[in-house]
Each structure stands twice: as C-alpha cells, then as structure tokens.
N, C-alpha and C. Protein backbone atom coordinates (compact mmCIF):
# COMPACT_ATOMS: atom_id res chain seq x y z
N MET A 1 72.10 -61.39 23.13
CA MET A 1 71.21 -61.59 22.53
C MET A 1 70.19 -62.43 22.71
N ASN A 2 68.75 -62.00 22.76
CA ASN A 2 67.35 -62.64 22.81
C ASN A 2 67.43 -64.17 22.19
N ASN A 3 67.20 -64.57 23.04
CA ASN A 3 67.67 -66.30 23.15
C ASN A 3 66.42 -66.72 21.53
N LYS A 4 65.42 -65.90 21.45
CA LYS A 4 64.71 -65.93 20.05
C LYS A 4 65.47 -66.14 19.18
N LEU A 5 66.55 -65.63 18.81
CA LEU A 5 67.38 -65.01 17.66
C LEU A 5 68.39 -66.30 17.69
N GLU A 6 68.35 -66.39 16.37
CA GLU A 6 70.08 -67.39 16.43
C GLU A 6 70.75 -67.39 15.17
N THR A 7 71.97 -66.80 15.02
CA THR A 7 72.35 -66.65 13.80
C THR A 7 72.86 -68.00 12.73
N MET A 8 72.70 -67.47 11.72
CA MET A 8 72.91 -68.43 10.88
C MET A 8 73.92 -67.74 9.65
N SER A 9 73.85 -68.54 8.56
CA SER A 9 74.48 -68.13 7.64
C SER A 9 73.75 -69.17 6.36
N ASN A 10 73.83 -69.06 5.36
CA ASN A 10 72.92 -69.18 4.15
C ASN A 10 74.28 -68.71 3.05
N LEU A 11 74.08 -70.01 1.66
CA LEU A 11 74.69 -69.63 0.73
C LEU A 11 73.75 -69.00 -0.27
N PHE A 12 73.79 -68.50 -1.18
CA PHE A 12 73.43 -67.81 -2.51
C PHE A 12 74.08 -67.89 -3.67
N GLU A 13 74.83 -68.80 -4.61
CA GLU A 13 75.48 -68.75 -5.50
C GLU A 13 76.93 -68.23 -4.97
N ASP A 14 77.43 -69.54 -4.15
CA ASP A 14 78.82 -69.29 -3.55
C ASP A 14 78.61 -67.62 -2.74
N ASN A 15 77.79 -67.25 -2.44
CA ASN A 15 77.65 -66.05 -1.46
C ASN A 15 76.78 -65.79 -0.07
N GLU A 16 77.73 -65.83 0.76
CA GLU A 16 77.32 -65.60 2.37
C GLU A 16 76.36 -64.61 2.54
N ILE A 17 75.16 -65.00 2.57
CA ILE A 17 74.50 -64.12 3.18
C ILE A 17 74.07 -64.57 4.59
N ARG A 18 74.62 -63.86 5.56
CA ARG A 18 74.23 -63.43 6.79
C ARG A 18 72.95 -63.36 7.34
N SER A 19 72.25 -64.08 8.21
CA SER A 19 70.85 -63.77 8.52
C SER A 19 70.66 -64.14 10.02
N ILE A 20 69.95 -64.10 10.68
CA ILE A 20 69.49 -63.83 12.05
C ILE A 20 67.81 -64.83 11.70
N TRP A 21 67.41 -66.04 12.20
CA TRP A 21 66.80 -66.69 11.84
C TRP A 21 65.78 -66.42 13.48
N ASP A 22 64.43 -65.95 13.16
CA ASP A 22 63.64 -65.29 14.38
C ASP A 22 62.58 -67.00 15.03
N SER A 23 62.78 -67.01 16.20
CA SER A 23 61.87 -68.50 15.94
C SER A 23 60.61 -68.25 16.51
N GLU A 24 60.66 -67.11 17.25
CA GLU A 24 59.19 -66.42 17.68
C GLU A 24 58.20 -66.02 16.30
N LYS A 25 58.90 -65.52 15.32
CA LYS A 25 58.36 -65.14 14.21
C LYS A 25 58.27 -66.00 13.09
N GLU A 26 59.07 -66.82 13.19
CA GLU A 26 59.51 -67.96 12.60
C GLU A 26 59.99 -67.38 11.19
N ASP A 27 60.93 -66.38 10.90
CA ASP A 27 61.20 -65.81 9.68
C ASP A 27 62.99 -65.47 9.98
N TYR A 28 63.53 -64.85 8.80
CA TYR A 28 64.82 -64.81 8.43
C TYR A 28 64.90 -63.20 8.56
N TYR A 29 65.88 -62.72 9.27
CA TYR A 29 66.27 -61.31 9.06
C TYR A 29 67.43 -61.36 8.48
N PHE A 30 67.49 -60.83 7.40
CA PHE A 30 68.66 -61.09 6.27
C PHE A 30 69.39 -59.50 6.74
N SER A 31 71.18 -59.57 5.87
CA SER A 31 71.87 -58.51 6.64
C SER A 31 71.68 -57.77 4.68
N VAL A 32 71.03 -56.86 4.91
CA VAL A 32 70.73 -55.89 3.62
C VAL A 32 72.45 -55.77 2.71
N VAL A 33 73.14 -55.25 3.09
CA VAL A 33 74.83 -55.16 2.59
C VAL A 33 75.24 -56.27 1.91
N ASP A 34 74.79 -57.61 2.56
CA ASP A 34 75.14 -59.00 1.93
C ASP A 34 74.47 -59.69 0.84
N VAL A 35 73.06 -58.81 0.60
CA VAL A 35 72.16 -59.31 -0.59
C VAL A 35 72.15 -58.67 -1.57
N ILE A 36 72.61 -56.98 -0.80
CA ILE A 36 72.81 -55.97 -2.36
C ILE A 36 74.62 -56.95 -2.94
N SER A 37 75.12 -56.92 -2.05
CA SER A 37 76.64 -57.73 -2.85
C SER A 37 76.11 -58.94 -3.97
N ALA A 38 75.70 -59.86 -2.84
CA ALA A 38 75.34 -61.09 -4.11
C ALA A 38 74.50 -60.94 -5.32
N LEU A 39 73.70 -59.48 -4.96
CA LEU A 39 73.01 -59.15 -6.28
C LEU A 39 73.57 -58.51 -7.26
N THR A 40 74.46 -57.61 -6.91
CA THR A 40 75.46 -56.46 -7.81
C THR A 40 76.64 -56.96 -8.01
N ASP A 41 77.31 -57.58 -6.65
CA ASP A 41 79.20 -57.77 -7.15
C ASP A 41 79.76 -56.73 -6.84
N SER A 42 79.23 -55.73 -6.45
CA SER A 42 79.73 -54.48 -6.12
C SER A 42 80.71 -54.46 -4.76
N ASN A 43 82.05 -53.63 -5.13
CA ASN A 43 83.09 -53.59 -4.57
C ASN A 43 82.46 -53.46 -3.11
N ASN A 44 81.89 -51.96 -3.13
CA ASN A 44 81.26 -51.78 -1.45
C ASN A 44 80.11 -51.99 -1.87
N PRO A 45 79.26 -52.45 -1.39
CA PRO A 45 77.80 -52.80 -0.97
C PRO A 45 77.21 -51.97 0.57
N ARG A 46 78.00 -51.46 0.82
CA ARG A 46 77.71 -50.38 1.81
C ARG A 46 77.18 -49.25 0.98
N ASN A 47 78.27 -48.91 0.62
CA ASN A 47 77.75 -47.11 -0.26
C ASN A 47 76.81 -47.57 -1.23
N TYR A 48 76.80 -48.74 -1.77
CA TYR A 48 75.66 -49.24 -3.14
C TYR A 48 74.03 -48.91 -2.41
N TRP A 49 74.32 -49.45 -0.48
CA TRP A 49 72.74 -49.34 0.16
C TRP A 49 72.67 -47.72 0.11
N ASN A 50 73.35 -46.69 0.86
CA ASN A 50 73.16 -45.56 1.08
C ASN A 50 72.71 -45.00 -0.13
N MET A 51 73.32 -44.87 -1.49
CA MET A 51 73.23 -44.18 -2.34
C MET A 51 71.58 -44.87 -2.96
N LEU A 52 71.20 -45.91 -2.57
CA LEU A 52 69.95 -46.94 -2.98
C LEU A 52 69.22 -45.91 -2.09
N LYS A 53 69.17 -45.57 -0.86
CA LYS A 53 68.44 -45.29 -0.32
C LYS A 53 68.07 -43.61 -0.44
N LYS A 54 68.96 -43.03 -0.65
CA LYS A 54 69.04 -41.67 -1.34
C LYS A 54 68.10 -41.30 -2.46
N ARG A 55 68.06 -42.51 -3.12
CA ARG A 55 67.38 -42.73 -4.59
C ARG A 55 65.88 -42.72 -4.38
N MET A 56 65.48 -43.41 -3.34
CA MET A 56 63.85 -43.97 -3.27
C MET A 56 63.42 -42.76 -2.73
N THR A 57 61.89 -43.12 -3.39
CA THR A 57 60.87 -41.85 -2.44
C THR A 57 60.44 -41.99 -1.88
N GLU A 58 59.92 -40.94 -0.97
CA GLU A 58 59.50 -41.03 0.29
C GLU A 58 58.96 -41.95 1.03
N GLU A 59 57.74 -42.74 -0.09
CA GLU A 59 57.40 -43.69 0.48
C GLU A 59 58.10 -45.20 0.19
N GLU A 60 58.89 -44.91 -0.50
CA GLU A 60 59.51 -46.35 -0.41
C GLU A 60 60.54 -46.12 0.99
N GLN A 61 61.35 -44.83 1.10
CA GLN A 61 62.16 -44.90 2.53
C GLN A 61 61.05 -45.28 3.82
N SER A 62 59.71 -44.75 3.88
CA SER A 62 59.46 -44.89 4.71
C SER A 62 58.67 -46.72 4.96
N GLU A 63 58.65 -47.00 4.18
CA GLU A 63 58.29 -48.33 3.59
C GLU A 63 59.17 -49.62 4.54
N LEU A 64 60.41 -49.30 3.61
CA LEU A 64 61.47 -49.84 3.77
C LEU A 64 61.95 -49.92 5.46
N SER A 65 62.02 -48.37 5.85
CA SER A 65 62.98 -48.07 7.43
C SER A 65 61.65 -48.96 8.54
N THR A 66 60.48 -48.73 8.51
CA THR A 66 59.80 -49.45 9.04
C THR A 66 60.20 -51.01 9.52
N LYS A 67 60.84 -51.50 8.14
CA LYS A 67 60.77 -53.27 8.03
C LYS A 67 62.63 -53.16 8.71
N CYS A 68 63.11 -51.93 8.59
CA CYS A 68 64.59 -52.52 8.62
C CYS A 68 64.55 -52.71 10.06
N VAL A 69 65.74 -53.45 10.66
CA VAL A 69 66.58 -53.68 11.84
C VAL A 69 67.20 -54.14 12.15
N GLN A 70 68.25 -52.95 13.02
CA GLN A 70 69.58 -53.34 13.71
C GLN A 70 69.81 -54.39 14.18
N LEU A 71 70.57 -55.52 14.02
CA LEU A 71 70.88 -56.48 14.89
C LEU A 71 72.17 -56.49 14.48
N LYS A 72 72.93 -57.66 16.17
CA LYS A 72 74.28 -57.65 15.54
C LYS A 72 74.79 -59.35 15.16
N MET A 73 75.85 -58.80 14.02
CA MET A 73 76.51 -59.45 12.84
C MET A 73 77.75 -59.59 13.29
N LYS A 74 78.25 -61.06 12.89
CA LYS A 74 79.99 -60.92 13.04
C LYS A 74 80.30 -60.14 11.18
N SER A 75 81.00 -59.44 11.65
CA SER A 75 82.14 -58.80 10.22
C SER A 75 82.57 -60.17 9.38
N LYS A 76 82.37 -60.03 8.03
CA LYS A 76 83.76 -60.33 7.63
C LYS A 76 84.93 -60.95 7.74
N LYS A 77 85.36 -59.64 7.61
CA LYS A 77 86.66 -59.00 7.73
C LYS A 77 87.50 -59.15 8.86
N ASP A 78 86.84 -58.83 10.12
CA ASP A 78 87.67 -58.76 11.21
C ASP A 78 86.91 -59.80 12.59
N GLY A 79 85.91 -60.37 12.40
CA GLY A 79 85.20 -61.29 13.38
C GLY A 79 84.78 -60.67 13.96
N LYS A 80 84.25 -59.39 14.12
CA LYS A 80 83.62 -58.84 15.30
C LYS A 80 81.82 -58.17 15.33
N SER A 81 81.22 -58.19 15.97
CA SER A 81 79.96 -58.04 16.40
C SER A 81 79.68 -56.67 16.00
N TYR A 82 78.83 -56.26 15.02
CA TYR A 82 78.33 -54.58 14.87
C TYR A 82 76.94 -54.88 14.15
N SER A 83 76.15 -53.54 14.35
CA SER A 83 74.84 -53.69 14.39
C SER A 83 75.08 -53.56 12.70
N THR A 84 74.14 -54.14 12.07
CA THR A 84 74.08 -54.47 10.79
C THR A 84 72.57 -54.34 10.53
N ASP A 85 72.09 -53.59 9.87
CA ASP A 85 70.63 -53.35 8.60
C ASP A 85 70.38 -54.58 8.23
N THR A 86 69.45 -54.96 8.61
CA THR A 86 68.54 -56.40 8.20
C THR A 86 66.96 -55.84 7.90
N LEU A 87 66.74 -56.81 6.95
CA LEU A 87 65.23 -57.31 6.59
C LEU A 87 64.85 -58.48 6.79
N ASP A 88 63.25 -58.62 6.95
CA ASP A 88 62.73 -59.75 6.76
C ASP A 88 62.63 -60.06 5.65
N THR A 89 62.00 -61.40 5.17
CA THR A 89 61.66 -62.00 4.13
C THR A 89 60.86 -60.70 3.26
N LYS A 90 59.77 -60.43 3.38
CA LYS A 90 58.93 -59.40 2.83
C LYS A 90 59.83 -58.40 2.12
N GLY A 91 60.60 -57.96 3.41
CA GLY A 91 61.74 -56.45 3.32
C GLY A 91 62.74 -56.91 2.06
N ILE A 92 63.05 -57.76 1.79
CA ILE A 92 64.58 -58.25 1.30
C ILE A 92 63.45 -58.35 -0.18
N LEU A 93 62.09 -58.83 -0.43
CA LEU A 93 61.64 -59.12 -1.34
C LEU A 93 61.21 -57.30 -2.14
N ARG A 94 60.95 -56.33 -0.80
CA ARG A 94 60.52 -55.21 -1.32
C ARG A 94 62.00 -54.33 -2.18
N LEU A 95 63.37 -54.85 -1.08
CA LEU A 95 64.48 -54.26 -1.65
C LEU A 95 64.90 -54.56 -3.09
N ILE A 96 64.69 -55.99 -3.70
CA ILE A 96 64.85 -56.37 -4.60
C ILE A 96 63.96 -55.75 -6.11
N GLU A 97 63.16 -55.30 -6.13
CA GLU A 97 62.11 -54.30 -6.56
C GLU A 97 63.03 -53.12 -7.18
N SER A 98 63.60 -52.35 -6.23
CA SER A 98 64.74 -51.52 -6.08
C SER A 98 66.34 -51.71 -6.66
N VAL A 99 66.50 -52.74 -6.87
CA VAL A 99 67.95 -52.83 -7.53
C VAL A 99 67.84 -53.76 -8.26
N PRO A 100 68.49 -53.15 -9.59
CA PRO A 100 68.46 -53.16 -11.28
C PRO A 100 69.74 -54.70 -10.74
N SER A 101 69.07 -55.90 -11.44
CA SER A 101 70.02 -57.09 -11.13
C SER A 101 69.34 -58.18 -12.16
N PRO A 102 70.20 -58.90 -13.12
CA PRO A 102 69.86 -60.26 -13.54
C PRO A 102 69.48 -61.19 -12.17
N LYS A 103 70.29 -60.99 -11.72
CA LYS A 103 69.97 -62.35 -10.26
C LYS A 103 68.78 -62.15 -9.30
N ALA A 104 68.40 -61.31 -10.05
CA ALA A 104 66.89 -60.95 -9.03
C ALA A 104 65.65 -62.26 -9.08
N GLU A 105 65.65 -62.73 -10.01
CA GLU A 105 64.86 -63.62 -9.82
C GLU A 105 65.04 -64.93 -9.27
N PRO A 106 66.49 -65.37 -9.32
CA PRO A 106 67.19 -66.82 -9.15
C PRO A 106 67.02 -65.88 -7.44
N PHE A 107 67.06 -65.15 -6.78
CA PHE A 107 67.43 -64.44 -5.83
C PHE A 107 66.27 -65.13 -4.78
N LYS A 108 65.23 -64.62 -5.60
CA LYS A 108 63.70 -64.83 -5.19
C LYS A 108 63.49 -66.19 -5.17
N LEU A 109 63.70 -66.87 -5.88
CA LEU A 109 63.92 -68.51 -5.87
C LEU A 109 64.33 -69.30 -4.52
N TRP A 110 65.61 -68.64 -4.77
CA TRP A 110 66.60 -68.97 -3.74
C TRP A 110 65.80 -68.79 -2.12
N LEU A 111 65.13 -67.65 -2.15
CA LEU A 111 64.11 -66.98 -0.80
C LEU A 111 62.96 -68.22 -0.85
N ALA A 112 62.46 -68.47 -1.86
CA ALA A 112 61.23 -69.29 -1.76
C ALA A 112 61.65 -70.77 -0.97
N SER A 113 62.91 -71.14 -1.37
CA SER A 113 63.49 -72.06 -1.12
C SER A 113 63.74 -72.06 0.05
N LEU A 114 64.19 -71.28 0.63
CA LEU A 114 64.13 -71.23 2.32
C LEU A 114 63.27 -71.33 2.74
N GLY A 115 62.20 -70.87 2.58
CA GLY A 115 60.54 -70.87 3.13
C GLY A 115 60.27 -72.15 3.11
N SER A 116 60.37 -72.98 2.16
CA SER A 116 59.76 -74.04 2.10
C SER A 116 60.36 -75.42 2.70
N GLU A 117 61.69 -74.89 3.53
CA GLU A 117 62.12 -75.62 4.33
C GLU A 117 61.66 -75.70 5.85
N LYS A 118 60.41 -74.43 5.80
CA LYS A 118 59.89 -74.65 7.72
C LYS A 118 58.39 -75.38 7.39
N SER A 119 58.56 -76.43 6.56
CA SER A 119 57.47 -77.58 6.87
C SER A 119 56.94 -77.94 7.96
N SER A 120 56.00 -77.37 8.48
CA SER A 120 55.39 -77.64 10.34
C SER A 120 55.63 -79.24 10.24
N GLU A 121 55.04 -80.13 8.88
CA GLU A 121 55.13 -81.76 8.80
C GLU A 121 56.25 -82.18 9.51
N TYR A 122 57.44 -81.62 8.58
CA TYR A 122 58.68 -82.19 8.58
C TYR A 122 59.53 -81.88 10.26
N LYS A 123 58.75 -80.74 10.36
CA LYS A 123 59.38 -80.59 11.65
C LYS A 123 58.50 -81.02 13.31
N ALA A 124 57.41 -81.70 12.87
CA ALA A 124 57.07 -82.24 13.82
C ALA A 124 57.33 -83.86 13.53
N TYR A 125 58.01 -84.40 12.38
CA TYR A 125 58.17 -85.80 12.26
C TYR A 125 59.87 -85.74 13.24
N LYS A 126 60.75 -84.44 13.40
CA LYS A 126 61.98 -84.51 13.52
C LYS A 126 61.90 -84.33 14.94
N GLY A 127 60.81 -83.70 15.35
CA GLY A 127 60.73 -83.23 16.76
C GLY A 127 60.95 -82.23 17.59
N ILE A 128 60.84 -81.45 16.20
CA ILE A 128 61.19 -79.85 16.75
C ILE A 128 60.41 -78.65 16.45
N ARG A 129 60.51 -77.37 16.81
CA ARG A 129 59.74 -76.59 16.77
C ARG A 129 59.99 -75.56 16.05
N LYS A 130 60.30 -74.48 16.39
CA LYS A 130 60.85 -73.16 15.74
C LYS A 130 62.75 -72.97 15.49
N GLU A 131 63.05 -74.28 15.80
CA GLU A 131 64.38 -74.78 15.66
C GLU A 131 64.34 -74.51 13.76
N SER A 132 65.75 -74.10 13.51
CA SER A 132 65.67 -74.30 12.00
C SER A 132 65.68 -75.61 11.42
N LEU A 133 64.93 -76.23 10.31
CA LEU A 133 64.98 -77.20 9.91
C LEU A 133 66.24 -77.91 9.37
N ARG A 134 67.25 -76.72 8.60
CA ARG A 134 68.08 -77.20 7.81
C ARG A 134 69.20 -77.38 8.81
N ASP A 135 68.99 -76.66 9.79
CA ASP A 135 70.41 -77.07 10.86
C ASP A 135 70.39 -78.56 11.62
N ASN A 136 69.34 -78.90 11.44
CA ASN A 136 68.93 -80.42 12.23
C ASN A 136 68.61 -81.34 11.31
N MET A 137 69.21 -81.47 10.12
CA MET A 137 69.19 -82.48 9.05
C MET A 137 70.15 -83.07 8.81
N THR A 138 70.00 -84.42 8.56
CA THR A 138 70.99 -85.43 8.24
C THR A 138 71.67 -85.15 7.36
N ASP A 139 73.14 -85.50 6.88
CA ASP A 139 73.99 -85.03 5.56
C ASP A 139 73.04 -85.50 4.53
N ILE A 140 72.34 -86.33 4.24
CA ILE A 140 71.72 -86.87 2.78
C ILE A 140 70.49 -86.14 3.00
N GLU A 141 69.93 -85.86 4.12
CA GLU A 141 68.92 -84.27 4.18
C GLU A 141 69.28 -83.48 3.38
N VAL A 142 70.16 -83.04 4.07
CA VAL A 142 71.16 -81.67 3.38
C VAL A 142 71.31 -81.82 1.94
N ALA A 143 71.93 -83.11 1.25
CA ALA A 143 72.31 -82.90 -0.06
C ALA A 143 71.41 -82.97 -1.08
N LEU A 144 69.96 -83.85 -0.43
CA LEU A 144 68.69 -83.72 -1.20
C LEU A 144 67.89 -82.44 -1.37
N THR A 145 68.10 -81.67 -0.36
CA THR A 145 68.16 -80.40 -0.25
C THR A 145 68.64 -79.41 -1.29
N ASN A 146 69.95 -79.61 -1.10
CA ASN A 146 70.91 -78.68 -2.12
C ASN A 146 70.86 -79.32 -3.61
N ILE A 147 70.30 -80.43 -3.56
CA ILE A 147 69.62 -80.86 -5.36
C ILE A 147 68.42 -80.17 -5.69
N GLY A 148 67.83 -80.16 -4.94
CA GLY A 148 66.37 -79.37 -5.36
C GLY A 148 66.67 -78.01 -5.77
N GLU A 149 67.65 -77.62 -4.65
CA GLU A 149 67.64 -76.16 -4.76
C GLU A 149 68.33 -75.86 -5.96
N ILE A 150 69.42 -76.03 -6.47
CA ILE A 150 70.10 -76.17 -7.74
C ILE A 150 69.37 -76.55 -8.52
N ALA A 151 68.43 -77.55 -8.75
CA ALA A 151 67.69 -78.15 -10.22
C ALA A 151 66.74 -76.54 -10.67
N ALA A 152 66.07 -76.19 -9.15
CA ALA A 152 65.24 -75.13 -9.33
C ALA A 152 66.12 -74.02 -9.94
N ARG A 153 67.16 -73.74 -9.42
CA ARG A 153 67.64 -72.45 -9.64
C ARG A 153 68.32 -72.49 -11.36
N ASP A 154 68.73 -73.34 -11.71
CA ASP A 154 69.45 -73.89 -13.07
C ASP A 154 67.58 -74.09 -13.97
N ILE A 155 66.69 -74.35 -13.81
CA ILE A 155 65.24 -74.30 -14.57
C ILE A 155 65.02 -72.67 -14.62
N ALA A 156 64.69 -72.05 -13.47
CA ALA A 156 64.43 -71.20 -13.46
C ALA A 156 65.24 -69.93 -14.45
N THR A 157 66.57 -70.16 -14.29
CA THR A 157 67.66 -69.57 -15.33
C THR A 157 67.40 -69.88 -16.41
N SER A 158 67.12 -71.06 -17.03
CA SER A 158 67.29 -71.69 -18.29
C SER A 158 65.91 -71.15 -19.05
N GLU A 159 64.76 -71.34 -18.57
CA GLU A 159 63.40 -70.29 -18.60
C GLU A 159 63.19 -68.99 -18.73
N HIS A 160 64.14 -68.44 -18.38
CA HIS A 160 64.48 -66.86 -18.09
C HIS A 160 62.53 -66.58 -17.43
N LEU A 161 62.13 -67.49 -15.96
CA LEU A 161 61.35 -66.57 -15.27
C LEU A 161 61.05 -65.41 -14.32
N GLN A 162 59.93 -65.00 -14.26
CA GLN A 162 59.82 -63.83 -13.54
C GLN A 162 58.32 -64.09 -12.66
N GLY A 163 58.98 -63.24 -11.80
CA GLY A 163 57.43 -63.26 -10.65
C GLY A 163 57.80 -64.67 -9.73
N LEU A 164 57.28 -64.14 -8.82
CA LEU A 164 57.30 -65.43 -7.19
C LEU A 164 56.71 -66.11 -7.27
N SER A 165 55.35 -66.34 -7.82
CA SER A 165 54.38 -67.18 -8.09
C SER A 165 55.08 -68.08 -9.10
N GLU A 166 55.76 -67.96 -10.22
CA GLU A 166 56.03 -68.98 -11.11
C GLU A 166 57.44 -69.27 -10.50
N ASN A 167 58.37 -68.99 -9.95
CA ASN A 167 59.69 -69.56 -8.97
C ASN A 167 59.24 -70.46 -7.88
N MET A 168 57.83 -70.05 -7.19
CA MET A 168 57.35 -71.14 -6.38
C MET A 168 57.17 -72.46 -7.10
N ASN A 169 56.73 -72.48 -8.07
CA ASN A 169 56.55 -73.12 -9.54
C ASN A 169 57.28 -74.00 -9.59
N VAL A 170 58.58 -73.40 -9.91
CA VAL A 170 59.71 -73.79 -9.88
C VAL A 170 60.42 -74.67 -8.93
N ALA A 171 60.17 -73.78 -7.91
CA ALA A 171 60.47 -74.70 -6.75
C ALA A 171 60.12 -75.93 -6.78
N LYS A 172 58.59 -76.55 -7.06
CA LYS A 172 58.38 -77.72 -6.99
C LYS A 172 58.82 -78.39 -7.59
N ARG A 173 59.49 -77.96 -9.17
CA ARG A 173 59.73 -79.25 -9.80
C ARG A 173 61.31 -79.31 -9.35
N GLY A 174 62.19 -78.18 -8.62
CA GLY A 174 62.80 -78.61 -8.08
C GLY A 174 62.82 -79.76 -6.74
N GLY A 175 61.60 -79.84 -6.39
CA GLY A 175 61.65 -80.49 -5.12
C GLY A 175 61.56 -82.20 -5.92
N LYS A 176 60.75 -82.44 -7.02
CA LYS A 176 60.56 -83.18 -7.65
C LYS A 176 62.02 -84.24 -8.16
N VAL A 177 62.80 -83.32 -8.60
CA VAL A 177 64.02 -83.66 -8.66
C VAL A 177 64.96 -84.48 -7.58
N ALA A 178 64.56 -83.27 -6.63
CA ALA A 178 65.12 -83.77 -5.12
C ALA A 178 64.58 -85.51 -4.78
N ASN A 179 63.27 -85.57 -5.02
CA ASN A 179 62.58 -86.78 -4.90
C ASN A 179 62.74 -87.79 -5.64
N ASP A 180 62.89 -87.62 -6.57
CA ASP A 180 63.81 -88.97 -7.61
C ASP A 180 64.70 -89.42 -7.14
N ALA A 181 65.88 -88.19 -6.69
CA ALA A 181 66.98 -89.00 -5.78
C ALA A 181 67.11 -89.12 -4.86
N ARG A 182 65.97 -89.19 -3.87
CA ARG A 182 65.43 -89.48 -3.00
C ARG A 182 65.50 -91.03 -3.18
N LEU A 183 64.38 -91.40 -3.96
CA LEU A 183 63.65 -93.17 -4.32
C LEU A 183 64.85 -93.27 -5.02
N SER A 184 65.89 -92.70 -5.60
CA SER A 184 67.35 -93.45 -6.14
C SER A 184 68.23 -94.13 -4.98
N TYR A 185 68.28 -93.03 -4.13
CA TYR A 185 69.57 -93.30 -2.85
C TYR A 185 68.44 -94.42 -2.20
N GLU A 186 67.39 -94.61 -1.64
CA GLU A 186 66.41 -95.45 -0.61
C GLU A 186 66.80 -96.70 -1.50
N LYS A 187 66.58 -96.67 -2.77
CA LYS A 187 66.52 -98.58 -3.67
C LYS A 187 67.77 -98.86 -3.46
N GLU A 188 68.97 -97.81 -3.77
CA GLU A 188 70.58 -98.68 -3.69
C GLU A 188 70.96 -98.97 -2.46
N THR A 189 70.48 -97.99 -0.94
CA THR A 189 71.06 -98.37 0.34
C THR A 189 69.92 -98.89 1.15
N LYS A 190 68.67 -99.34 0.81
CA LYS A 190 67.78 -100.03 1.24
C LYS A 190 67.24 -99.19 2.78
N LYS A 191 67.64 -97.74 2.70
CA LYS A 191 67.22 -97.33 3.70
C LYS A 191 66.41 -96.33 3.60
N SER A 192 66.13 -95.50 4.17
CA SER A 192 64.94 -94.25 4.39
C SER A 192 65.83 -92.73 4.44
N ALA A 193 65.65 -92.01 3.58
CA ALA A 193 66.52 -91.24 2.89
C ALA A 193 66.22 -89.83 4.54
N ILE A 194 64.89 -90.05 4.80
CA ILE A 194 64.34 -89.27 6.06
C ILE A 194 64.63 -89.39 7.37
N SER A 195 64.96 -89.07 8.28
CA SER A 195 65.16 -89.68 9.56
C SER A 195 64.63 -88.66 10.56
N LYS A 196 63.81 -89.54 11.74
CA LYS A 196 63.80 -88.81 12.81
C LYS A 196 64.76 -87.94 13.61
N ASP A 197 65.94 -88.18 13.11
CA ASP A 197 67.18 -87.77 13.92
C ASP A 197 67.18 -85.72 13.78
N ASN A 198 67.77 -85.56 14.98
CA ASN A 198 67.92 -84.07 14.79
C ASN A 198 69.30 -83.34 15.78
N ALA A 199 69.23 -82.51 15.99
CA ALA A 199 70.97 -81.99 15.96
C ALA A 199 70.87 -81.78 17.82
N LEU A 200 70.09 -83.11 18.44
CA LEU A 200 70.51 -83.07 19.75
C LEU A 200 70.59 -84.65 19.58
N ASN A 201 70.24 -85.23 18.66
CA ASN A 201 70.92 -87.23 18.57
C ASN A 201 71.48 -87.50 17.36
N TYR A 202 71.72 -86.72 16.42
CA TYR A 202 72.66 -87.54 15.33
C TYR A 202 73.96 -87.10 15.35
N GLN A 203 74.82 -87.88 14.81
CA GLN A 203 76.60 -87.72 14.50
C GLN A 203 76.49 -87.47 13.19
N TYR A 204 77.41 -86.11 12.67
CA TYR A 204 77.93 -86.25 11.49
C TYR A 204 78.86 -87.15 10.95
N VAL A 205 78.99 -87.34 9.88
CA VAL A 205 79.69 -88.30 9.25
C VAL A 205 81.10 -87.92 9.26
N ASP A 206 81.84 -86.63 9.78
CA ASP A 206 82.95 -86.17 9.90
C ASP A 206 83.35 -86.66 11.27
N ASP A 207 82.82 -87.60 12.32
CA ASP A 207 83.23 -87.75 13.61
C ASP A 207 83.22 -86.14 14.51
N GLN A 208 82.53 -85.26 13.91
CA GLN A 208 82.53 -84.61 15.34
C GLN A 208 81.72 -85.09 16.62
N PRO A 209 82.17 -84.88 17.52
CA PRO A 209 81.49 -85.29 18.89
C PRO A 209 79.97 -85.00 19.26
N LYS A 210 79.16 -86.43 19.33
CA LYS A 210 77.81 -86.04 19.78
C LYS A 210 77.44 -85.03 20.34
N ILE A 211 76.58 -84.49 20.30
CA ILE A 211 76.06 -83.26 21.11
C ILE A 211 74.74 -84.26 21.76
N GLU A 212 74.83 -84.16 22.87
CA GLU A 212 73.84 -84.95 23.77
C GLU A 212 72.79 -83.63 24.70
N SER A 213 71.66 -84.24 24.62
CA SER A 213 70.55 -83.94 25.41
C SER A 213 70.77 -83.59 26.43
N THR A 214 70.88 -82.10 26.63
CA THR A 214 71.08 -81.41 28.65
C THR A 214 69.66 -82.05 29.32
N ILE A 215 69.11 -82.75 28.79
CA ILE A 215 67.70 -83.73 29.51
C ILE A 215 68.19 -84.43 30.25
N ASN A 216 69.15 -85.17 29.20
CA ASN A 216 70.13 -86.37 29.60
C ASN A 216 70.92 -86.46 31.12
N GLU A 217 71.29 -84.70 30.81
CA GLU A 217 72.23 -85.02 32.05
C GLU A 217 71.64 -84.46 33.22
C-alpha cells in the first residue's frame, strides 16, 4: 500500500465504518458498503449497493464512478484484505442523496465532525502534519472529542435539522459542550486537557508499551 494511505476505522452509532486516510489529499476514503449498512441497516449492503447503481441515472452513475476508488480493506468476516469500493467525503455526501434514510442528516453531521478534526492549528501544536489527529490524541482529548460529537448528534436529532450548513452549525454547538466539559476538567484537575503529546511520545492509560520515535534509535 502507498505509504500516504493509512487504514483506520471510525464508529457511527456503533457501526464500524472502515476507511482509508489519504495524507496527501488530506481526506478519507470510506467503504461504500459500510456506509450503506449504517444508513439502511440492510442485511446485505453489497446487494443494496449493486441495486442502487442500477437505479441511478447515467449522469449519477458517471459522477459516482469517477469518484469511486477500489482500495484494499480487511473483511469483517474473515479478516482478509479485499478490493473494496470507496468514496471520498464529497462522494459519500453525493451517495447519501441517493439513499433514503432517516440517518442521512446525522451521518452528514458525523462526516462534518470528522472533517473538523483536521484543524491545522491543533496539528501544528502537536507537532504532526498529515497524520490523523484523532490517532494522536491523549485519552482525555479523545473523550472530549466524543462528548462534542455525541452532543452535536443529539442536538441534530432532537431539532430534526437538515442540510450540511445547519449540521456544521450544530457541530459548533457540540464543540461548545465539549469546551465546557474541558473547562470543568481543568478546574478540577488543575492541569490542561490539551497536550502536545502525540502517538510517538505518550503512553496510554492501559499501560501499553510506549512507542519510541525512530529518530531516537
């Protein structure tokens, strides 16, 4: 695999969404069948995807086919790697328009929250460039991020919001909830919740072996 591509997994409402992080493009490629499974709860998302392509107009098929990229991903069933249809963030947003689902708007919000993780200022603070920001967070940073995402999801659900711009606004409101939690944490612990530590120099709470930078070897 090209070293600019990094395999990872994210969760949407307890549904695993396999993805590839392209550090050069700075965008995700998501497994199409995983997204369809999360949106529809289909027992056979692969067949759903095949049927969906048949129902699309020639213009829709052309638009998605130019964005669709096959990348190797591990199967959830046998753990082996297979070529898998993937779409980048814009492609997934286009796909969602073709999939009738009450989860469409929450999923758009989830995509927006993933995108918001790629804050260049935050990355610079941690001393990373194109690596995944979440993979370089400490435990409290991950927890606060999760609080913000869950709050934003629940706000969007309760207010029945539609549209990416509205969901982006809700993402900011969720961020405020996370910031309030951060301030409370810092008040009680007398230390900052934001750290310069990254995956090369911090140790997880569960006492996993510390990962040493190869620069020091």
